[in-house]
Amino acid sequence: MDYRQLGPTGLRVSTLCLGTMTFGEADENSFMHQVGCDERTSFAIMDRALDAGVNFFDTADVYGQDGLSERVIGKWFEKHGRRDEVVLATKFRFVMGKGPNKSGASRYRIVKTVEDSLRRLETDRIDLYQIHMQDIDTPEEETLRALDDLVRQGKVLYLGCSNYAAHRLVDSLWISKTQGLERFVTAQMQYSLVTRDIEREHVSVCREHGLGILPWSPLGAGFLTGKYRKGAPPPEGSRLEKWKDRLGRFDNERNWRILEAVDRVAEQTGGTPSQVALAWLLRKPQVTSVIFGARSLQQLDDNLKAAELRLDDAHMSALDEASAFDLGYPYDFLARVQSRW
């Protein structure tokens, strides 16, 4: 396993990060119903991942149901005593509980969400605390000052954001700099061969300001695993069998072309489609660690091998070309003019 600096910090994390959204069996009221794994399997996955060198785990208060994923991790810490071997990341922002303040990133709410997560995770600190999505109803300075207090109190070590617009991220970094507040060191963003939109602005922003990118959904909700085929129904029990509307969004010529390219590179390298998709991201600028999920030890073992798979420049070019996307204005205009002048 390789390790990289977490953004501009001195902390080193594994290039693969274990995503824990599927940990725990949620009931029918949760969007994760029937797509998770039981507690025993979750424990086994964490054991094997850590033994394989994955020292970075990512979760969120909303994963599962009523903090289910965090509770599973907390029980694993209590049972196995391996807390200090893990760089632990979690997130807040979305709906938890009831009442008019059940979501958002106000100071009032942050004070509560961090204590709730600490209790569920059975730990005295969160190593990377991330806002799950920008909150346009709360001034960014209010959010940052509350998070800064948590760092000064020792409850949180580093700060990260997720699902931020590029302009909001730049504003946030400016506020932190000018007000002397703790700043975001990572940006957890959707990024994969089928979703490359952050290459328009976010990658440049993160490079300019030193943030590490943490791609989520690197396999396109499972689309890039190779189990889905054009014109064929989704495999029984797969995530996209349940989320058929999402599968419909993947059903276009560009994405099937990407899948064909992934299959070719997998054949050439001896890897699997999943490993190729993960390895492609590991060569992308500013990517610190790629967040992958696993519902079984078999899935875990397959994904772990991505850390060993080396794609050469020809492989990267083939995948880049197959997944090329419309940049839109003004990016396409700038590219055309720059090439002539």
Protein backbone atom coordinates (compact mmCIF):
# COMPACT_ATOMS: atom_id res chain seq x y z
CA MET A 1 0.00 0.00 0.00
CA ASP A 2 1.25 3.48 -0.88
CA TYR A 3 0.71 6.53 1.33
CA ARG A 4 0.34 10.21 0.51
CA GLN A 5 0.14 13.45 2.47
CA LEU A 6 -3.41 14.46 3.36
CA GLY A 7 -3.56 17.65 1.32
CA PRO A 8 -1.13 20.25 2.75
CA THR A 9 -0.82 18.50 6.12
CA GLY A 10 1.91 16.26 7.50
CA LEU A 11 -0.52 13.38 7.97
CA ARG A 12 0.01 10.35 5.72
CA VAL A 13 -2.95 8.27 4.59
CA SER A 14 -3.28 5.23 2.35
CA THR A 15 -4.01 5.88 -1.31
CA LEU A 16 -7.13 3.77 -0.91
CA CYS A 17 -9.70 4.86 1.67
CA LEU A 18 -12.31 2.43 3.00
CA GLY A 19 -15.78 3.90 2.51
CA THR A 20 -18.24 2.56 5.05
CA MET A 21 -21.63 3.66 3.72
CA THR A 22 -22.75 0.02 3.40
CA PHE A 23 -21.87 -0.96 6.97
CA GLY A 24 -24.87 -2.18 8.93
CA GLU A 25 -28.28 -3.48 7.90
CA ALA A 26 -30.69 -0.58 7.54
CA ASP A 27 -34.45 -1.13 7.68
CA GLU A 28 -36.98 -0.34 4.95
CA ASN A 29 -37.13 3.35 5.91
CA SER A 30 -33.54 3.92 4.80
CA PHE A 31 -32.27 4.48 1.25
CA MET A 32 -29.59 1.90 2.15
CA HIS A 33 -32.13 -0.87 2.81
CA GLN A 34 -30.92 -4.19 1.34
CA VAL A 35 -27.70 -2.71 -0.06
CA GLY A 36 -25.59 -2.95 3.11
CA CYS A 37 -23.77 -5.72 4.94
CA ASP A 38 -24.26 -7.02 8.47
CA GLU A 39 -22.14 -6.04 11.45
CA ARG A 40 -20.07 -9.22 11.43
CA THR A 41 -19.12 -8.74 7.77
CA SER A 42 -18.38 -5.06 8.40
CA PHE A 43 -15.98 -6.02 11.21
CA ALA A 44 -14.23 -8.54 8.96
CA ILE A 45 -13.86 -5.96 6.17
CA MET A 46 -12.31 -3.40 8.53
CA ASP A 47 -9.93 -6.00 9.97
CA ARG A 48 -8.70 -7.10 6.57
CA ALA A 49 -8.48 -3.59 5.15
CA LEU A 50 -6.37 -2.38 8.06
CA ASP A 51 -4.14 -5.45 7.91
CA ALA A 52 -3.63 -4.74 4.18
CA GLY A 53 -2.38 -1.23 4.96
CA VAL A 54 -5.57 0.81 4.52
CA ASN A 55 -5.29 3.26 7.44
CA PHE A 56 -7.98 5.70 6.22
CA PHE A 57 -11.71 5.09 6.89
CA ASP A 58 -14.50 7.42 5.76
CA THR A 59 -18.07 7.54 7.06
CA ALA A 60 -20.89 10.05 7.72
CA ASP A 61 -23.58 10.54 10.31
CA VAL A 62 -26.32 9.84 7.73
CA TYR A 63 -24.86 6.58 6.41
CA GLY A 64 -27.16 3.67 7.07
CA GLN A 65 -29.84 4.95 9.38
CA ASP A 66 -29.70 7.10 12.51
CA GLY A 67 -25.91 6.96 12.54
CA LEU A 68 -25.77 3.21 11.80
CA SER A 69 -22.40 3.21 10.02
CA GLU A 70 -20.79 5.29 12.77
CA ARG A 71 -22.20 2.97 15.42
CA VAL A 72 -20.81 -0.11 13.67
CA ILE A 73 -17.36 1.48 13.50
CA GLY A 74 -17.61 2.50 17.16
CA LYS A 75 -18.43 -1.07 18.20
CA TRP A 76 -15.47 -2.30 16.15
CA PHE A 77 -13.16 0.17 17.91
CA GLU A 78 -14.48 -0.97 21.28
CA LYS A 79 -14.07 -4.66 20.45
CA HIS A 80 -10.71 -4.58 18.68
CA GLY A 81 -8.98 -1.58 20.25
CA ARG A 82 -7.45 -0.40 16.96
CA ARG A 83 -8.60 3.23 17.06
CA ASP A 84 -5.11 4.73 16.91
CA GLU A 85 -4.26 2.73 13.78
CA VAL A 86 -7.03 4.48 11.83
CA VAL A 87 -7.25 7.97 10.36
CA LEU A 88 -10.97 8.46 10.89
CA ALA A 89 -13.07 10.74 8.69
CA THR A 90 -16.76 11.49 9.06
CA LYS A 91 -19.20 14.08 7.77
CA PHE A 92 -22.14 16.23 8.91
CA ARG A 93 -24.71 18.48 7.22
CA PHE A 94 -27.69 16.40 6.11
CA VAL A 95 -30.88 15.54 8.00
CA MET A 96 -30.43 13.89 11.39
CA GLY A 97 -33.18 13.98 13.99
CA LYS A 98 -36.22 16.22 14.00
CA GLY A 99 -37.18 19.87 14.19
CA PRO A 100 -36.28 23.02 12.26
CA ASN A 101 -32.54 22.55 12.92
CA LYS A 102 -32.34 18.93 11.81
CA SER A 103 -29.97 19.81 8.94
CA GLY A 104 -27.49 22.48 7.94
CA ALA A 105 -24.12 23.81 9.06
CA SER A 106 -24.96 26.45 11.66
CA ARG A 107 -22.86 26.78 14.81
CA TYR A 108 -25.86 25.58 16.82
CA ARG A 109 -26.04 22.39 14.81
CA ILE A 110 -22.31 21.70 14.48
CA VAL A 111 -21.91 21.71 18.27
CA LYS A 112 -24.51 18.94 18.42
CA THR A 113 -23.47 16.87 15.40
CA VAL A 114 -19.86 16.53 16.48
CA GLU A 115 -20.84 15.33 19.97
CA ASP A 116 -23.32 12.84 18.48
CA SER A 117 -20.69 11.45 16.10
CA LEU A 118 -18.05 11.20 18.84
CA ARG A 119 -20.50 9.25 20.98
CA ARG A 120 -21.52 6.86 18.20
CA LEU A 121 -17.91 6.33 17.10
CA GLU A 122 -16.82 5.79 20.72
CA THR A 123 -13.79 8.02 20.28
CA ASP A 124 -12.43 11.25 21.73
CA ARG A 125 -11.53 12.82 18.38
CA ILE A 126 -12.41 12.91 14.69
CA ASP A 127 -9.30 13.07 12.54
CA LEU A 128 -10.98 14.62 9.48
CA TYR A 129 -14.34 16.34 9.97
CA GLN A 130 -16.08 17.22 6.71
CA ILE A 131 -19.11 19.28 5.83
CA HIS A 132 -21.12 16.98 3.57
CA MET A 133 -22.37 19.77 1.30
CA GLN A 134 -22.22 23.57 1.34
CA ASP A 135 -25.03 25.28 3.22
CA ILE A 136 -26.22 28.36 1.33
CA ASP A 137 -28.48 29.37 4.23
CA THR A 138 -25.60 29.68 6.69
CA PRO A 139 -22.79 32.23 6.32
CA GLU A 140 -19.55 30.40 5.56
CA GLU A 141 -17.77 32.33 8.29
CA GLU A 142 -20.20 30.99 10.90
CA THR A 143 -19.52 27.43 9.80
CA LEU A 144 -15.75 27.94 9.73
CA ARG A 145 -15.62 29.61 13.14
CA ALA A 146 -17.57 26.75 14.70
CA LEU A 147 -15.26 24.20 13.05
CA ASP A 148 -12.20 26.21 14.11
CA ASP A 149 -13.41 25.98 17.72
CA LEU A 150 -13.62 22.19 17.42
CA VAL A 151 -10.00 22.01 16.27
CA ARG A 152 -8.86 24.26 19.12
CA GLN A 153 -10.79 22.05 21.57
CA GLY A 154 -9.05 18.93 20.23
CA LYS A 155 -12.29 17.25 19.20
CA VAL A 156 -11.34 17.53 15.52
CA LEU A 157 -7.84 17.50 13.99
CA TYR A 158 -8.39 18.49 10.33
CA LEU A 159 -11.24 19.95 8.29
CA GLY A 160 -12.59 18.98 4.89
CA CYS A 161 -15.48 19.82 2.61
CA SER A 162 -17.56 17.78 0.21
CA ASN A 163 -19.88 18.66 -2.69
CA TYR A 164 -18.87 22.34 -2.77
CA ALA A 165 -19.16 24.60 -5.77
CA ALA A 166 -15.73 25.84 -6.82
CA HIS A 167 -16.56 29.50 -6.14
CA ARG A 168 -17.83 28.65 -2.66
CA LEU A 169 -14.66 26.69 -1.93
CA VAL A 170 -12.48 29.63 -2.96
CA ASP A 171 -14.58 31.98 -0.80
CA SER A 172 -14.21 29.60 2.13
CA LEU A 173 -10.43 29.40 1.78
CA TRP A 174 -10.22 33.19 1.57
CA ILE A 175 -12.27 33.60 4.75
CA SER A 176 -10.05 31.13 6.59
CA LYS A 177 -6.92 32.93 5.43
CA THR A 178 -8.06 36.47 6.22
CA GLN A 179 -9.79 35.61 9.51
CA GLY A 180 -7.07 33.31 10.83
CA LEU A 181 -9.36 30.27 10.94
CA GLU A 182 -8.63 26.62 10.30
CA ARG A 183 -9.06 25.83 6.61
CA PHE A 184 -10.23 22.89 4.58
CA VAL A 185 -7.40 20.53 3.67
CA THR A 186 -9.43 18.13 1.51
CA ALA A 187 -12.33 18.18 -0.92
CA GLN A 188 -14.38 14.99 -1.16
CA MET A 189 -16.00 15.11 -4.58
CA GLN A 190 -17.73 12.76 -6.99
CA TYR A 191 -15.06 11.74 -9.48
CA SER A 192 -14.75 8.77 -11.82
CA LEU A 193 -14.33 7.87 -15.46
CA VAL A 194 -18.05 8.52 -15.97
CA THR A 195 -18.15 11.72 -13.86
CA ARG A 196 -15.23 14.02 -14.61
CA ASP A 197 -16.97 17.38 -14.10
CA ILE A 198 -14.61 18.54 -11.33
CA GLU A 199 -11.86 18.78 -13.93
CA ARG A 200 -13.47 22.02 -15.15
CA GLU A 201 -12.54 24.04 -12.04
CA HIS A 202 -12.18 22.06 -8.83
CA VAL A 203 -8.95 20.28 -9.73
CA SER A 204 -7.28 23.61 -10.53
CA VAL A 205 -8.60 25.20 -7.33
CA CYS A 206 -7.34 22.30 -5.25
CA ARG A 207 -3.93 22.38 -6.95
CA GLU A 208 -3.61 26.15 -6.42
CA HIS A 209 -4.52 25.93 -2.73
CA GLY A 210 -2.99 22.54 -1.93
CA LEU A 211 -6.16 20.61 -1.11
CA GLY A 212 -6.18 16.85 -1.49
CA ILE A 213 -9.05 15.45 -3.57
CA LEU A 214 -10.90 12.44 -2.13
CA PRO A 215 -12.99 10.93 -4.95
CA TRP A 216 -16.28 9.34 -3.92
CA SER A 217 -18.23 6.89 -6.10
CA PRO A 218 -15.05 6.07 -8.08
CA LEU A 219 -16.79 3.09 -9.67
CA GLY A 220 -19.87 5.05 -10.74
CA ALA A 221 -22.20 3.37 -8.21
CA GLY A 222 -20.85 0.03 -9.44
CA PHE A 223 -21.32 0.72 -13.16
CA LEU A 224 -17.56 0.45 -13.77
CA THR A 225 -17.19 -2.94 -12.07
CA GLY A 226 -17.93 -4.79 -15.31
CA LYS A 227 -21.08 -6.49 -14.05
CA TYR A 228 -23.38 -4.30 -16.18
CA ARG A 229 -23.70 -4.82 -19.93
CA LYS A 230 -25.44 -2.88 -22.67
CA GLY A 231 -28.95 -4.17 -23.33
CA ALA A 232 -28.81 -6.65 -20.43
CA PRO A 233 -30.73 -6.38 -17.14
CA PRO A 234 -28.70 -5.55 -14.02
CA PRO A 235 -27.49 -8.56 -12.02
CA GLU A 236 -29.80 -9.69 -9.25
CA GLY A 237 -28.85 -8.19 -5.90
CA SER A 238 -26.68 -5.43 -7.40
CA ARG A 239 -27.01 -1.86 -6.19
CA LEU A 240 -28.17 -0.58 -9.57
CA GLU A 241 -30.86 -3.27 -9.70
CA LYS A 242 -32.51 -1.50 -6.79
CA TRP A 243 -31.63 2.00 -8.02
CA LYS A 244 -32.92 1.50 -11.58
CA ASP A 245 -33.38 5.23 -12.16
CA ARG A 246 -29.66 5.75 -11.59
CA LEU A 247 -28.82 2.89 -13.97
CA GLY A 248 -30.93 4.66 -16.59
CA ARG A 249 -28.72 7.74 -16.27
CA PHE A 250 -25.67 5.63 -17.11
CA ASP A 251 -27.33 4.15 -20.20
CA ASN A 252 -25.77 6.27 -22.95
CA GLU A 253 -23.19 5.79 -25.68
CA ARG A 254 -20.38 7.63 -23.86
CA ASN A 255 -20.61 5.42 -20.79
CA TRP A 256 -20.76 2.17 -22.75
CA ARG A 257 -17.72 3.39 -24.69
CA ILE A 258 -15.93 4.00 -21.39
CA LEU A 259 -16.79 0.51 -20.20
CA GLU A 260 -15.37 -0.99 -23.40
CA ALA A 261 -12.12 0.92 -22.87
CA VAL A 262 -11.94 -0.22 -19.25
CA ASP A 263 -12.41 -3.83 -20.36
CA ARG A 264 -9.57 -3.51 -22.90
CA VAL A 265 -7.16 -2.03 -20.38
CA ALA A 266 -8.14 -4.68 -17.83
CA GLU A 267 -7.32 -7.39 -20.35
CA GLN A 268 -3.98 -5.76 -21.22
CA THR A 269 -2.91 -5.30 -17.61
CA GLY A 270 -4.34 -8.44 -16.06
CA GLY A 271 -6.50 -6.37 -13.73
CA THR A 272 -10.26 -6.24 -13.26
CA PRO A 273 -12.49 -3.38 -14.45
CA SER A 274 -12.83 -2.13 -10.87
CA GLN A 275 -9.08 -2.09 -10.38
CA VAL A 276 -8.55 -0.21 -13.64
CA ALA A 277 -11.13 2.46 -12.73
CA LEU A 278 -9.53 2.98 -9.31
CA ALA A 279 -5.97 2.97 -10.68
CA TRP A 280 -6.95 5.62 -13.26
CA LEU A 281 -7.98 7.96 -10.45
CA LEU A 282 -4.79 7.30 -8.49
CA ARG A 283 -2.80 8.86 -11.35
CA LYS A 284 -4.94 11.98 -11.52
CA PRO A 285 -3.56 15.34 -10.22
CA GLN A 286 -4.31 16.28 -6.59
CA VAL A 287 -5.94 12.95 -5.73
CA THR A 288 -4.83 11.97 -2.24
CA SER A 289 -6.91 8.87 -1.60
CA VAL A 290 -9.72 7.14 -3.47
CA ILE A 291 -12.76 6.16 -1.39
CA PHE A 292 -14.05 2.71 -2.28
CA GLY A 293 -16.76 0.62 -0.70
CA ALA A 294 -17.13 -3.11 -0.14
CA ARG A 295 -20.07 -5.25 0.94
CA SER A 296 -18.04 -8.47 1.09
CA LEU A 297 -14.48 -9.62 1.64
CA GLN A 298 -14.35 -10.65 -2.02
CA GLN A 299 -15.16 -7.10 -3.16
CA LEU A 300 -12.62 -5.73 -0.69
CA ASP A 301 -9.82 -8.00 -1.90
CA ASP A 302 -10.53 -7.15 -5.52
CA ASN A 303 -10.45 -3.40 -4.89
CA LEU A 304 -7.32 -3.55 -2.75
CA LYS A 305 -5.33 -4.83 -5.72
CA ALA A 306 -5.90 -1.49 -7.45
CA ALA A 307 -3.11 -0.07 -5.28
CA GLU A 308 -0.68 -2.41 -7.03
CA LEU A 309 -1.96 -1.91 -10.59
CA ARG A 310 0.21 0.45 -12.62
CA LEU A 311 -1.32 2.03 -15.70
CA ASP A 312 1.15 3.37 -18.26
CA ASP A 313 0.70 6.54 -20.31
CA ALA A 314 -0.92 4.64 -23.17
CA HIS A 315 -3.52 3.14 -20.86
CA MET A 316 -4.25 6.56 -19.34
CA SER A 317 -4.60 8.16 -22.78
CA ALA A 318 -7.01 5.45 -23.94
CA LEU A 319 -9.18 5.90 -20.85
CA ASP A 320 -9.02 9.69 -21.04
CA GLU A 321 -10.06 9.65 -24.68
CA ALA A 322 -12.95 7.25 -24.14
CA SER A 323 -14.26 9.30 -21.20
CA ALA A 324 -13.75 12.73 -22.79
CA PHE A 325 -16.64 15.05 -22.01
CA ASP A 326 -18.04 18.38 -23.15
CA LEU A 327 -16.29 21.10 -21.17
CA GLY A 328 -18.90 23.73 -22.06
CA TYR A 329 -18.45 27.48 -22.15
CA PRO A 330 -16.07 29.16 -21.43
CA TYR A 331 -13.73 26.19 -21.11
CA ASP A 332 -14.13 24.89 -24.65
CA PHE A 333 -13.76 28.45 -25.98
CA LEU A 334 -10.58 28.99 -23.95
CA ALA A 335 -9.14 25.67 -25.13
CA ARG A 336 -9.80 26.45 -28.79
CA VAL A 337 -8.36 29.96 -28.64
CA GLN A 338 -5.36 28.93 -26.56
CA SER A 339 -4.45 26.25 -29.08
CA ARG A 340 -4.41 28.85 -31.91
CA TRP A 341 -2.76 31.70 -30.07
